[in-house]
Amino acid sequence: MADPQIVCLHGLGRHAQDWDPVVAGLRSFGEVSAPQMGRGRYADSLSTTQLRPGTVLVGHSHGALLALGLASGSASVRGLIMTGGFYPPARNDQSYAATVGDYARHRVAVAKTLVSQRARPRRGGMSSLASMAALGVRPERFHRLAAGVRVPVLVVHGTEDHYVPIGFMHAATRRYPAWDVAVLAGAGHNIHVDQPNDWLDITTPWLRDLR
């Protein structure tokens, strides 16, 4: 079987160059492309009509949501990797409202830390948060997409992801026991950027099995 096309989708406010540290490793499994997604109607920047049969989608953060939507019900997608993806707030043993409130306080704490460190927020961060919040308010939208995916899925998440708490990921993926889940201790939201070798150590065996 021919090597797949691998399409890497960055998050809102991020850049296609985020994938540069892992492109060489991914090329062992096919042609790699990392389109720069435009501002505005982000989800319209790529469509299923642009995906060749056998495509493997790799998405980060909001790009993982886009990849999930493209993979849902698609006959062209062969596999899906979601790294640092967004998942609906987990209720656990508390009310949904309390969970959303906890997440809002968590994000405020992160914002205060960035301000105190005089870190410049990335462009598009607010629109990204608003878009993801819509799925948080209506988690059935996320699960409708997820339930439509009929190809192998690999989820990669860091224990120290301060954008999407790992508990959210675990709560969501428990609904999909066929998905492979890999957790990297001590890693944050941008594993493929900050720890590319560790990220490839997780994704390479999965892609090898997929091929």
N, C-alpha and C. Protein backbone atom coordinates (compact mmCIF):
# COMPACT_ATOMS: atom_id res chain seq x y z
N MET A 1 0.85 -1.19 0.00
CA MET A 1 0.00 0.00 0.00
C MET A 1 0.88 1.24 0.00
N ALA A 2 0.50 2.25 -0.74
CA ALA A 2 1.31 3.47 -0.85
C ALA A 2 1.31 4.23 0.47
N ASP A 3 2.41 4.97 0.68
CA ASP A 3 2.50 5.79 1.88
C ASP A 3 1.41 6.84 1.87
N PRO A 4 0.88 7.20 3.03
CA PRO A 4 -0.21 8.18 3.08
C PRO A 4 0.29 9.60 2.94
N GLN A 5 -0.63 10.48 2.65
CA GLN A 5 -0.39 11.91 2.75
C GLN A 5 -0.65 12.29 4.21
N ILE A 6 0.25 13.06 4.80
CA ILE A 6 0.09 13.49 6.19
C ILE A 6 -0.12 14.99 6.20
N VAL A 7 -1.27 15.42 6.70
CA VAL A 7 -1.61 16.84 6.74
C VAL A 7 -1.64 17.29 8.20
N CYS A 8 -0.80 18.27 8.53
CA CYS A 8 -0.67 18.75 9.90
C CYS A 8 -1.35 20.11 10.04
N LEU A 9 -2.26 20.22 10.98
CA LEU A 9 -3.06 21.43 11.17
C LEU A 9 -2.72 22.08 12.50
N HIS A 10 -2.25 23.32 12.43
CA HIS A 10 -1.86 24.03 13.66
C HIS A 10 -3.09 24.63 14.34
N GLY A 11 -2.89 25.12 15.54
CA GLY A 11 -3.97 25.73 16.29
C GLY A 11 -4.16 27.19 15.92
N LEU A 12 -5.30 27.74 16.32
CA LEU A 12 -5.56 29.16 16.09
C LEU A 12 -4.54 29.99 16.87
N GLY A 13 -4.03 31.03 16.20
CA GLY A 13 -3.02 31.86 16.82
C GLY A 13 -1.63 31.27 16.74
N ARG A 14 -1.52 30.07 16.17
CA ARG A 14 -0.22 29.41 16.01
C ARG A 14 0.19 29.52 14.54
N HIS A 15 1.22 28.76 14.16
CA HIS A 15 1.76 28.86 12.81
C HIS A 15 2.08 27.48 12.26
N ALA A 16 2.10 27.38 10.94
CA ALA A 16 2.45 26.12 10.29
C ALA A 16 3.85 25.68 10.66
N GLN A 17 4.73 26.64 10.97
CA GLN A 17 6.11 26.32 11.32
C GLN A 17 6.21 25.54 12.64
N ASP A 18 5.12 25.51 13.40
CA ASP A 18 5.13 24.72 14.63
C ASP A 18 5.48 23.26 14.36
N TRP A 19 5.15 22.79 13.15
CA TRP A 19 5.39 21.38 12.83
C TRP A 19 6.81 21.10 12.37
N ASP A 20 7.61 22.15 12.14
CA ASP A 20 8.97 21.95 11.62
C ASP A 20 9.80 20.96 12.44
N PRO A 21 9.72 20.97 13.78
CA PRO A 21 10.56 20.05 14.55
C PRO A 21 10.25 18.57 14.34
N VAL A 22 9.06 18.25 13.81
CA VAL A 22 8.68 16.84 13.67
C VAL A 22 8.48 16.41 12.22
N VAL A 23 8.62 17.34 11.28
CA VAL A 23 8.36 17.02 9.87
C VAL A 23 9.29 15.92 9.37
N ALA A 24 10.57 16.00 9.71
CA ALA A 24 11.53 14.99 9.22
C ALA A 24 11.13 13.59 9.67
N GLY A 25 10.68 13.46 10.91
CA GLY A 25 10.26 12.16 11.40
C GLY A 25 9.00 11.67 10.74
N LEU A 26 8.08 12.58 10.45
CA LEU A 26 6.83 12.19 9.81
C LEU A 26 7.04 11.77 8.36
N ARG A 27 8.05 12.35 7.72
CA ARG A 27 8.28 12.04 6.30
C ARG A 27 8.62 10.57 6.07
N SER A 28 8.97 9.85 7.12
CA SER A 28 9.21 8.41 6.97
C SER A 28 7.94 7.67 6.58
N PHE A 29 6.81 8.34 6.72
CA PHE A 29 5.53 7.67 6.50
C PHE A 29 4.71 8.27 5.37
N GLY A 30 5.27 9.23 4.66
CA GLY A 30 4.55 9.79 3.54
C GLY A 30 4.86 11.25 3.31
N GLU A 31 4.20 11.82 2.34
CA GLU A 31 4.34 13.24 2.01
C GLU A 31 3.68 14.08 3.09
N VAL A 32 4.42 15.04 3.62
CA VAL A 32 3.91 15.86 4.72
C VAL A 32 3.61 17.26 4.23
N SER A 33 2.44 17.78 4.60
CA SER A 33 2.10 19.17 4.33
C SER A 33 1.57 19.80 5.61
N ALA A 34 1.88 21.08 5.79
CA ALA A 34 1.42 21.82 6.97
C ALA A 34 0.93 23.17 6.49
N PRO A 35 -0.30 23.25 6.05
CA PRO A 35 -0.82 24.51 5.52
C PRO A 35 -0.94 25.57 6.59
N GLN A 36 -0.67 26.81 6.20
CA GLN A 36 -0.90 27.94 7.10
C GLN A 36 -2.37 28.30 7.02
N MET A 37 -3.07 28.08 8.10
CA MET A 37 -4.50 28.31 8.11
C MET A 37 -4.77 29.80 8.25
N GLY A 38 -5.69 30.31 7.44
CA GLY A 38 -5.97 31.73 7.42
C GLY A 38 -6.77 32.20 8.61
N ARG A 39 -6.73 33.49 8.83
CA ARG A 39 -7.55 34.08 9.88
C ARG A 39 -9.00 34.13 9.41
N GLY A 40 -9.91 34.34 10.34
CA GLY A 40 -11.32 34.42 9.96
C GLY A 40 -11.95 33.04 9.98
N ARG A 41 -12.47 32.61 8.84
CA ARG A 41 -13.19 31.34 8.78
C ARG A 41 -12.18 30.20 8.70
N TYR A 42 -11.62 29.89 9.86
CA TYR A 42 -10.54 28.92 9.98
C TYR A 42 -10.93 27.56 9.42
N ALA A 43 -12.11 27.11 9.78
CA ALA A 43 -12.52 25.76 9.39
C ALA A 43 -12.75 25.63 7.89
N ASP A 44 -12.90 26.77 7.20
CA ASP A 44 -13.13 26.72 5.76
C ASP A 44 -11.82 26.71 4.96
N SER A 45 -10.68 26.82 5.68
CA SER A 45 -9.39 26.88 4.99
C SER A 45 -8.99 25.54 4.40
N LEU A 46 -9.63 24.49 4.84
CA LEU A 46 -9.33 23.15 4.32
C LEU A 46 -10.63 22.39 4.27
N SER A 47 -10.81 21.60 3.24
CA SER A 47 -12.04 20.83 3.13
C SER A 47 -11.71 19.41 2.73
N THR A 48 -12.69 18.54 2.87
CA THR A 48 -12.48 17.14 2.53
C THR A 48 -12.16 16.95 1.06
N THR A 49 -12.55 17.92 0.22
CA THR A 49 -12.28 17.80 -1.20
C THR A 49 -10.79 17.93 -1.50
N GLN A 50 -10.01 18.49 -0.55
CA GLN A 50 -8.58 18.65 -0.74
C GLN A 50 -7.78 17.47 -0.21
N LEU A 51 -8.44 16.51 0.39
CA LEU A 51 -7.76 15.38 1.01
C LEU A 51 -7.72 14.20 0.05
N ARG A 52 -6.52 13.71 -0.22
CA ARG A 52 -6.39 12.52 -1.05
C ARG A 52 -6.77 11.28 -0.26
N PRO A 53 -7.22 10.24 -0.93
CA PRO A 53 -7.49 8.98 -0.22
C PRO A 53 -6.24 8.50 0.50
N GLY A 54 -6.40 8.08 1.73
CA GLY A 54 -5.28 7.61 2.52
C GLY A 54 -4.63 8.67 3.37
N THR A 55 -5.25 9.83 3.48
CA THR A 55 -4.67 10.93 4.25
C THR A 55 -4.70 10.63 5.75
N VAL A 56 -3.60 10.96 6.42
CA VAL A 56 -3.54 10.95 7.87
C VAL A 56 -3.56 12.39 8.34
N LEU A 57 -4.52 12.73 9.18
CA LEU A 57 -4.65 14.08 9.72
C LEU A 57 -3.97 14.17 11.08
N VAL A 58 -3.19 15.22 11.27
CA VAL A 58 -2.54 15.47 12.55
C VAL A 58 -2.92 16.88 12.98
N GLY A 59 -3.62 17.01 14.09
CA GLY A 59 -4.09 18.32 14.50
C GLY A 59 -3.65 18.66 15.91
N HIS A 60 -3.36 19.95 16.11
CA HIS A 60 -2.98 20.45 17.44
C HIS A 60 -4.00 21.48 17.91
N SER A 61 -4.40 21.36 19.17
CA SER A 61 -5.28 22.34 19.80
C SER A 61 -6.57 22.50 18.98
N HIS A 62 -6.86 23.72 18.52
CA HIS A 62 -8.06 23.91 17.71
C HIS A 62 -7.93 23.20 16.37
N GLY A 63 -6.71 23.02 15.88
CA GLY A 63 -6.50 22.25 14.67
C GLY A 63 -6.91 20.79 14.84
N ALA A 64 -6.83 20.29 16.07
CA ALA A 64 -7.30 18.93 16.33
C ALA A 64 -8.80 18.84 16.18
N LEU A 65 -9.50 19.91 16.57
CA LEU A 65 -10.95 19.94 16.37
C LEU A 65 -11.30 19.94 14.89
N LEU A 66 -10.55 20.74 14.12
CA LEU A 66 -10.77 20.78 12.68
C LEU A 66 -10.50 19.41 12.07
N ALA A 67 -9.41 18.77 12.50
CA ALA A 67 -9.08 17.44 12.00
C ALA A 67 -10.16 16.43 12.35
N LEU A 68 -10.71 16.54 13.56
CA LEU A 68 -11.79 15.65 13.97
C LEU A 68 -13.00 15.82 13.07
N GLY A 69 -13.33 17.08 12.76
CA GLY A 69 -14.46 17.33 11.88
C GLY A 69 -14.24 16.81 10.48
N LEU A 70 -13.01 16.95 9.98
CA LEU A 70 -12.70 16.46 8.64
C LEU A 70 -12.72 14.94 8.58
N ALA A 71 -12.30 14.31 9.67
CA ALA A 71 -12.24 12.85 9.69
C ALA A 71 -13.62 12.23 9.88
N SER A 72 -14.54 12.98 10.49
CA SER A 72 -15.86 12.43 10.78
C SER A 72 -16.62 12.15 9.49
N GLY A 73 -16.86 10.90 9.24
CA GLY A 73 -17.61 10.49 8.07
C GLY A 73 -16.86 10.57 6.76
N SER A 74 -15.55 10.85 6.78
CA SER A 74 -14.78 10.98 5.55
C SER A 74 -14.28 9.63 5.06
N ALA A 75 -14.34 9.44 3.74
CA ALA A 75 -13.81 8.22 3.14
C ALA A 75 -12.35 8.39 2.75
N SER A 76 -11.83 9.62 2.83
CA SER A 76 -10.45 9.88 2.40
C SER A 76 -9.45 9.74 3.54
N VAL A 77 -9.91 9.91 4.77
CA VAL A 77 -9.01 9.91 5.92
C VAL A 77 -8.72 8.48 6.37
N ARG A 78 -7.43 8.21 6.60
CA ARG A 78 -6.99 6.88 6.98
C ARG A 78 -6.66 6.78 8.46
N GLY A 79 -6.31 7.91 9.06
CA GLY A 79 -5.97 7.92 10.48
C GLY A 79 -5.98 9.34 11.00
N LEU A 80 -6.08 9.48 12.33
CA LEU A 80 -6.18 10.79 12.95
C LEU A 80 -5.34 10.83 14.22
N ILE A 81 -4.48 11.87 14.32
CA ILE A 81 -3.72 12.12 15.54
C ILE A 81 -4.15 13.48 16.08
N MET A 82 -4.57 13.50 17.34
CA MET A 82 -4.94 14.76 17.99
C MET A 82 -3.98 15.00 19.15
N THR A 83 -3.24 16.09 19.09
CA THR A 83 -2.27 16.39 20.15
C THR A 83 -2.64 17.71 20.81
N GLY A 84 -2.72 17.70 22.13
CA GLY A 84 -3.14 18.90 22.85
C GLY A 84 -4.49 19.39 22.39
N GLY A 85 -5.37 18.47 22.05
CA GLY A 85 -6.68 18.84 21.50
C GLY A 85 -7.61 19.38 22.57
N PHE A 86 -8.70 20.00 22.11
CA PHE A 86 -9.72 20.50 23.02
C PHE A 86 -10.77 19.42 23.26
N TYR A 87 -11.20 19.30 24.51
CA TYR A 87 -12.26 18.37 24.88
C TYR A 87 -13.24 19.10 25.79
N PRO A 88 -14.51 18.73 25.73
CA PRO A 88 -15.50 19.41 26.57
C PRO A 88 -15.14 19.31 28.04
N PRO A 89 -15.47 20.33 28.82
CA PRO A 89 -15.20 20.28 30.27
C PRO A 89 -15.79 19.03 30.90
N ALA A 90 -15.00 18.37 31.74
CA ALA A 90 -15.43 17.12 32.38
C ALA A 90 -16.22 17.43 33.63
N ARG A 91 -17.33 16.75 33.79
CA ARG A 91 -18.16 17.00 34.96
C ARG A 91 -17.64 16.28 36.20
N ASN A 92 -17.14 15.07 36.02
CA ASN A 92 -16.71 14.23 37.14
C ASN A 92 -17.86 14.15 38.16
N ASP A 93 -17.59 14.50 39.42
CA ASP A 93 -18.62 14.39 40.44
C ASP A 93 -19.27 15.73 40.77
N GLN A 94 -18.97 16.76 39.98
CA GLN A 94 -19.57 18.05 40.25
C GLN A 94 -20.49 18.44 39.09
N SER A 95 -21.26 19.50 39.31
CA SER A 95 -22.19 19.93 38.29
C SER A 95 -21.43 20.46 37.08
N TYR A 96 -22.15 20.47 35.95
CA TYR A 96 -21.53 20.99 34.72
C TYR A 96 -21.16 22.46 34.88
N ALA A 97 -22.05 23.23 35.53
CA ALA A 97 -21.78 24.66 35.73
C ALA A 97 -20.53 24.85 36.59
N ALA A 98 -20.39 24.02 37.62
CA ALA A 98 -19.22 24.14 38.49
C ALA A 98 -17.95 23.80 37.72
N THR A 99 -18.03 22.80 36.84
CA THR A 99 -16.87 22.42 36.04
C THR A 99 -16.45 23.55 35.12
N VAL A 100 -17.42 24.15 34.43
CA VAL A 100 -17.11 25.27 33.54
C VAL A 100 -16.53 26.44 34.34
N GLY A 101 -17.08 26.67 35.54
CA GLY A 101 -16.56 27.73 36.39
C GLY A 101 -15.13 27.49 36.80
N ASP A 102 -14.82 26.23 37.15
CA ASP A 102 -13.45 25.89 37.51
C ASP A 102 -12.51 26.13 36.34
N TYR A 103 -12.97 25.77 35.14
CA TYR A 103 -12.12 25.97 33.97
C TYR A 103 -11.89 27.45 33.69
N ALA A 104 -12.94 28.26 33.86
CA ALA A 104 -12.80 29.70 33.65
C ALA A 104 -11.80 30.29 34.64
N ARG A 105 -11.89 29.87 35.89
CA ARG A 105 -10.93 30.36 36.88
C ARG A 105 -9.51 29.90 36.55
N HIS A 106 -9.40 28.68 36.03
CA HIS A 106 -8.11 28.15 35.62
C HIS A 106 -7.50 29.00 34.51
N ARG A 107 -8.33 29.38 33.52
CA ARG A 107 -7.82 30.18 32.42
C ARG A 107 -7.45 31.59 32.88
N VAL A 108 -8.20 32.15 33.82
CA VAL A 108 -7.86 33.46 34.36
C VAL A 108 -6.52 33.41 35.07
N ALA A 109 -6.28 32.33 35.80
CA ALA A 109 -5.01 32.18 36.51
C ALA A 109 -3.85 32.11 35.52
N VAL A 110 -4.05 31.39 34.43
CA VAL A 110 -3.01 31.31 33.40
C VAL A 110 -2.75 32.67 32.78
N ALA A 111 -3.84 33.42 32.50
CA ALA A 111 -3.70 34.75 31.90
C ALA A 111 -2.94 35.69 32.84
N LYS A 112 -3.24 35.62 34.14
CA LYS A 112 -2.54 36.47 35.09
C LYS A 112 -1.05 36.13 35.14
N THR A 113 -0.75 34.85 35.02
CA THR A 113 0.66 34.44 35.02
C THR A 113 1.38 35.01 33.80
N LEU A 114 0.73 34.95 32.63
CA LEU A 114 1.33 35.49 31.42
C LEU A 114 1.56 36.99 31.54
N VAL A 115 0.58 37.69 32.13
CA VAL A 115 0.72 39.13 32.30
C VAL A 115 1.86 39.45 33.25
N SER A 116 1.92 38.68 34.35
CA SER A 116 2.97 38.95 35.33
C SER A 116 4.36 38.69 34.75
N GLN A 117 4.42 37.76 33.79
CA GLN A 117 5.69 37.46 33.14
C GLN A 117 5.90 38.33 31.90
N ARG A 118 4.93 39.23 31.65
CA ARG A 118 4.97 40.12 30.49
C ARG A 118 5.07 39.33 29.19
N ALA A 119 4.41 38.18 29.17
CA ALA A 119 4.39 37.37 27.96
C ALA A 119 3.34 37.92 27.01
N ARG A 120 3.66 38.00 25.77
CA ARG A 120 2.74 38.52 24.76
C ARG A 120 1.82 37.42 24.28
N PRO A 121 0.50 37.56 24.45
CA PRO A 121 -0.42 36.52 23.99
C PRO A 121 -0.36 36.38 22.48
N ARG A 122 -0.55 35.15 22.01
CA ARG A 122 -0.51 34.90 20.57
C ARG A 122 -1.77 35.43 19.91
N ARG A 123 -1.63 35.90 18.68
CA ARG A 123 -2.77 36.40 17.91
C ARG A 123 -3.78 35.28 17.69
N GLY A 124 -5.04 35.64 17.84
CA GLY A 124 -6.09 34.66 17.61
C GLY A 124 -6.48 33.88 18.84
N GLY A 125 -5.82 34.16 19.99
CA GLY A 125 -6.11 33.39 21.18
C GLY A 125 -7.54 33.54 21.66
N MET A 126 -8.08 34.76 21.62
CA MET A 126 -9.44 34.97 22.09
C MET A 126 -10.46 34.30 21.18
N SER A 127 -10.26 34.38 19.86
CA SER A 127 -11.20 33.74 18.94
C SER A 127 -11.12 32.22 19.09
N SER A 128 -9.93 31.71 19.36
CA SER A 128 -9.76 30.28 19.58
C SER A 128 -10.53 29.85 20.82
N LEU A 129 -10.38 30.62 21.90
CA LEU A 129 -11.06 30.28 23.14
C LEU A 129 -12.57 30.34 22.95
N ALA A 130 -13.05 31.36 22.23
CA ALA A 130 -14.49 31.50 22.01
C ALA A 130 -15.03 30.32 21.21
N SER A 131 -14.30 29.91 20.19
CA SER A 131 -14.74 28.80 19.35
C SER A 131 -14.79 27.51 20.15
N MET A 132 -13.77 27.28 20.96
CA MET A 132 -13.73 26.07 21.76
C MET A 132 -14.78 26.11 22.86
N ALA A 133 -15.05 27.32 23.38
CA ALA A 133 -16.06 27.45 24.42
C ALA A 133 -17.43 27.03 23.90
N ALA A 134 -17.69 27.28 22.61
CA ALA A 134 -18.97 26.88 22.02
C ALA A 134 -19.16 25.37 22.11
N LEU A 135 -18.09 24.63 21.90
CA LEU A 135 -18.17 23.18 22.02
C LEU A 135 -18.25 22.77 23.48
N GLY A 136 -17.68 23.60 24.37
CA GLY A 136 -17.77 23.30 25.78
C GLY A 136 -19.19 23.44 26.29
N VAL A 137 -19.87 24.49 25.83
CA VAL A 137 -21.25 24.71 26.23
C VAL A 137 -22.15 23.63 25.65
N ARG A 138 -21.85 23.17 24.46
CA ARG A 138 -22.64 22.12 23.82
C ARG A 138 -21.73 20.93 23.50
N PRO A 139 -21.37 20.15 24.52
CA PRO A 139 -20.44 19.03 24.29
C PRO A 139 -20.96 18.00 23.32
N GLU A 140 -22.30 17.99 23.10
CA GLU A 140 -22.83 17.02 22.15
C GLU A 140 -22.31 17.27 20.75
N ARG A 141 -21.92 18.52 20.44
CA ARG A 141 -21.33 18.82 19.13
C ARG A 141 -20.01 18.08 18.95
N PHE A 142 -19.19 18.13 20.00
CA PHE A 142 -17.92 17.40 19.95
C PHE A 142 -18.16 15.91 19.76
N HIS A 143 -19.06 15.36 20.57
CA HIS A 143 -19.27 13.91 20.53
C HIS A 143 -19.98 13.47 19.26
N ARG A 144 -20.73 14.35 18.65
CA ARG A 144 -21.34 14.02 17.36
C ARG A 144 -20.24 13.83 16.31
N LEU A 145 -19.24 14.71 16.33
CA LEU A 145 -18.11 14.57 15.41
C LEU A 145 -17.30 13.32 15.73
N ALA A 146 -17.01 13.14 17.01
CA ALA A 146 -16.18 12.01 17.41
C ALA A 146 -16.82 10.68 17.07
N ALA A 147 -18.13 10.59 17.24
CA ALA A 147 -18.82 9.35 16.95
C ALA A 147 -18.82 9.01 15.47
N GLY A 148 -18.60 10.02 14.62
CA GLY A 148 -18.58 9.80 13.18
C GLY A 148 -17.25 9.36 12.63
N VAL A 149 -16.22 9.31 13.47
CA VAL A 149 -14.88 8.92 13.03
C VAL A 149 -14.79 7.39 13.00
N ARG A 150 -14.45 6.86 11.85
CA ARG A 150 -14.40 5.41 11.68
C ARG A 150 -12.99 4.91 11.36
N VAL A 151 -11.99 5.70 11.70
CA VAL A 151 -10.60 5.33 11.42
C VAL A 151 -9.83 5.30 12.73
N PRO A 152 -8.63 4.69 12.75
CA PRO A 152 -7.82 4.69 13.98
C PRO A 152 -7.51 6.11 14.43
N VAL A 153 -7.55 6.31 15.75
CA VAL A 153 -7.30 7.62 16.35
C VAL A 153 -6.24 7.48 17.44
N LEU A 154 -5.29 8.41 17.43
CA LEU A 154 -4.30 8.51 18.49
C LEU A 154 -4.44 9.86 19.17
N VAL A 155 -4.61 9.85 20.48
CA VAL A 155 -4.69 11.07 21.27
C VAL A 155 -3.40 11.21 22.07
N VAL A 156 -2.75 12.36 21.94
CA VAL A 156 -1.51 12.65 22.68
C VAL A 156 -1.78 13.87 23.56
N HIS A 157 -1.51 13.74 24.85
CA HIS A 157 -1.81 14.84 25.77
C HIS A 157 -0.76 14.88 26.88
N GLY A 158 -0.43 16.10 27.32
CA GLY A 158 0.53 16.28 28.40
C GLY A 158 -0.16 16.45 29.74
N THR A 159 0.47 15.96 30.78
CA THR A 159 -0.12 16.08 32.11
C THR A 159 -0.16 17.53 32.59
N GLU A 160 0.71 18.38 32.03
CA GLU A 160 0.78 19.78 32.46
C GLU A 160 0.21 20.72 31.41
N ASP A 161 -0.77 20.25 30.66
CA ASP A 161 -1.42 21.11 29.68
C ASP A 161 -2.30 22.11 30.42
N HIS A 162 -1.91 23.39 30.39
CA HIS A 162 -2.63 24.42 31.13
C HIS A 162 -3.75 25.05 30.31
N TYR A 163 -3.93 24.60 29.08
CA TYR A 163 -5.03 25.07 28.26
C TYR A 163 -6.19 24.09 28.31
N VAL A 164 -5.89 22.82 28.22
CA VAL A 164 -6.92 21.79 28.30
C VAL A 164 -6.51 20.79 29.38
N PRO A 165 -7.09 20.89 30.56
CA PRO A 165 -6.73 19.96 31.64
C PRO A 165 -6.86 18.51 31.20
N ILE A 166 -5.94 17.70 31.65
CA ILE A 166 -5.91 16.31 31.20
C ILE A 166 -7.16 15.55 31.62
N GLY A 167 -7.81 15.99 32.69
CA GLY A 167 -9.05 15.34 33.10
C GLY A 167 -10.13 15.46 32.05
N PHE A 168 -10.16 16.58 31.33
CA PHE A 168 -11.14 16.74 30.25
C PHE A 168 -10.90 15.69 29.17
N MET A 169 -9.63 15.49 28.84
CA MET A 169 -9.28 14.52 27.80
C MET A 169 -9.71 13.12 28.21
N HIS A 170 -9.38 12.73 29.45
CA HIS A 170 -9.73 11.39 29.91
C HIS A 170 -11.24 11.18 29.91
N ALA A 171 -11.98 12.18 30.36
CA ALA A 171 -13.44 12.04 30.42
C ALA A 171 -14.04 11.86 29.03
N ALA A 172 -13.50 12.60 28.05
CA ALA A 172 -14.02 12.50 26.68
C ALA A 172 -13.64 11.19 26.02
N THR A 173 -12.38 10.80 26.13
CA THR A 173 -11.91 9.62 25.40
C THR A 173 -12.41 8.31 26.00
N ARG A 174 -12.88 8.33 27.23
CA ARG A 174 -13.46 7.10 27.79
C ARG A 174 -14.66 6.63 26.99
N ARG A 175 -15.28 7.55 26.27
CA ARG A 175 -16.43 7.16 25.43
C ARG A 175 -16.00 6.39 24.19
N TYR A 176 -14.72 6.44 23.87
CA TYR A 176 -14.23 5.86 22.61
C TYR A 176 -13.08 4.89 22.91
N PRO A 177 -13.40 3.71 23.42
CA PRO A 177 -12.36 2.77 23.84
C PRO A 177 -11.45 2.29 22.71
N ALA A 178 -11.88 2.46 21.47
CA ALA A 178 -11.03 2.04 20.35
C ALA A 178 -9.90 3.03 20.09
N TRP A 179 -10.01 4.25 20.63
CA TRP A 179 -8.97 5.24 20.43
C TRP A 179 -7.75 4.89 21.27
N ASP A 180 -6.58 5.14 20.71
CA ASP A 180 -5.33 4.99 21.47
C ASP A 180 -5.04 6.31 22.17
N VAL A 181 -4.70 6.25 23.44
CA VAL A 181 -4.42 7.44 24.24
C VAL A 181 -3.02 7.34 24.82
N ALA A 182 -2.20 8.37 24.58
CA ALA A 182 -0.84 8.42 25.12
C ALA A 182 -0.70 9.69 25.94
N VAL A 183 -0.25 9.54 27.18
CA VAL A 183 -0.06 10.67 28.09
C VAL A 183 1.43 10.84 28.36
N LEU A 184 1.90 12.07 28.19
CA LEU A 184 3.32 12.36 28.41
C LEU A 184 3.46 13.16 29.71
N ALA A 185 4.08 12.56 30.70
CA ALA A 185 4.23 13.19 32.01
C ALA A 185 5.11 14.44 31.90
N GLY A 186 4.63 15.51 32.53
CA GLY A 186 5.40 16.75 32.57
C GLY A 186 5.28 17.62 31.33
N ALA A 187 4.59 17.13 30.29
CA ALA A 187 4.49 17.89 29.04
C ALA A 187 3.34 18.87 29.10
N GLY A 188 3.47 19.96 28.34
CA GLY A 188 2.45 20.98 28.28
C GLY A 188 1.57 20.86 27.06
N HIS A 189 1.07 22.00 26.59
CA HIS A 189 0.11 22.03 25.50
C HIS A 189 0.74 21.81 24.13
N ASN A 190 1.99 22.24 23.97
CA ASN A 190 2.64 22.23 22.65
C ASN A 190 3.75 21.18 22.61
N ILE A 191 3.39 19.93 22.79
CA ILE A 191 4.39 18.87 22.91
C ILE A 191 5.26 18.76 21.67
N HIS A 192 4.64 18.84 20.49
CA HIS A 192 5.39 18.67 19.24
C HIS A 192 6.38 19.81 19.02
N VAL A 193 6.16 20.93 19.67
CA VAL A 193 7.07 22.08 19.56
C VAL A 193 8.15 22.01 20.63
N ASP A 194 7.73 21.76 21.87
CA ASP A 194 8.65 21.81 23.00
C ASP A 194 9.42 20.51 23.22
N GLN A 195 8.81 19.37 22.88
CA GLN A 195 9.45 18.08 23.08
C GLN A 195 9.24 17.21 21.84
N PRO A 196 9.80 17.63 20.71
CA PRO A 196 9.53 16.91 19.45
C PRO A 196 9.97 15.46 19.45
N ASN A 197 11.10 15.17 20.09
CA ASN A 197 11.57 13.78 20.10
C ASN A 197 10.62 12.88 20.89
N ASP A 198 10.14 13.39 22.02
CA ASP A 198 9.18 12.62 22.81
C ASP A 198 7.88 12.43 22.03
N TRP A 199 7.47 13.46 21.31
CA TRP A 199 6.25 13.37 20.52
C TRP A 199 6.40 12.33 19.43
N LEU A 200 7.54 12.32 18.78
CA LEU A 200 7.78 11.32 17.72
C LEU A 200 7.91 9.92 18.29
N ASP A 201 8.43 9.79 19.50
CA ASP A 201 8.52 8.48 20.13
C ASP A 201 7.14 7.87 20.33
N ILE A 202 6.15 8.73 20.50
CA ILE A 202 4.77 8.25 20.67
C ILE A 202 4.09 8.00 19.33
N THR A 203 4.25 8.93 18.41
CA THR A 203 3.50 8.85 17.15
C THR A 203 4.11 7.91 16.13
N THR A 204 5.43 7.75 16.14
CA THR A 204 6.09 6.92 15.12
C THR A 204 5.62 5.46 15.16
N PRO A 205 5.62 4.79 16.34
CA PRO A 205 5.13 3.40 16.35
C PRO A 205 3.68 3.28 15.91
N TRP A 206 2.87 4.28 16.26
CA TRP A 206 1.46 4.24 15.86
C TRP A 206 1.33 4.35 14.36
N LEU A 207 2.09 5.26 13.75
CA LEU A 207 2.05 5.40 12.29
C LEU A 207 2.60 4.16 11.61
N ARG A 208 3.58 3.54 12.21
CA ARG A 208 4.15 2.32 11.63
C ARG A 208 3.09 1.21 11.63
N ASP A 209 2.35 1.09 12.71
CA ASP A 209 1.29 0.08 12.76
C ASP A 209 0.17 0.41 11.77
N LEU A 210 -0.12 1.69 11.62
CA LEU A 210 -1.16 2.11 10.69
C LEU A 210 -0.79 1.73 9.26
N ARG A 211 0.49 1.91 8.94
CA ARG A 211 0.95 1.57 7.59
C ARG A 211 0.99 0.07 7.38
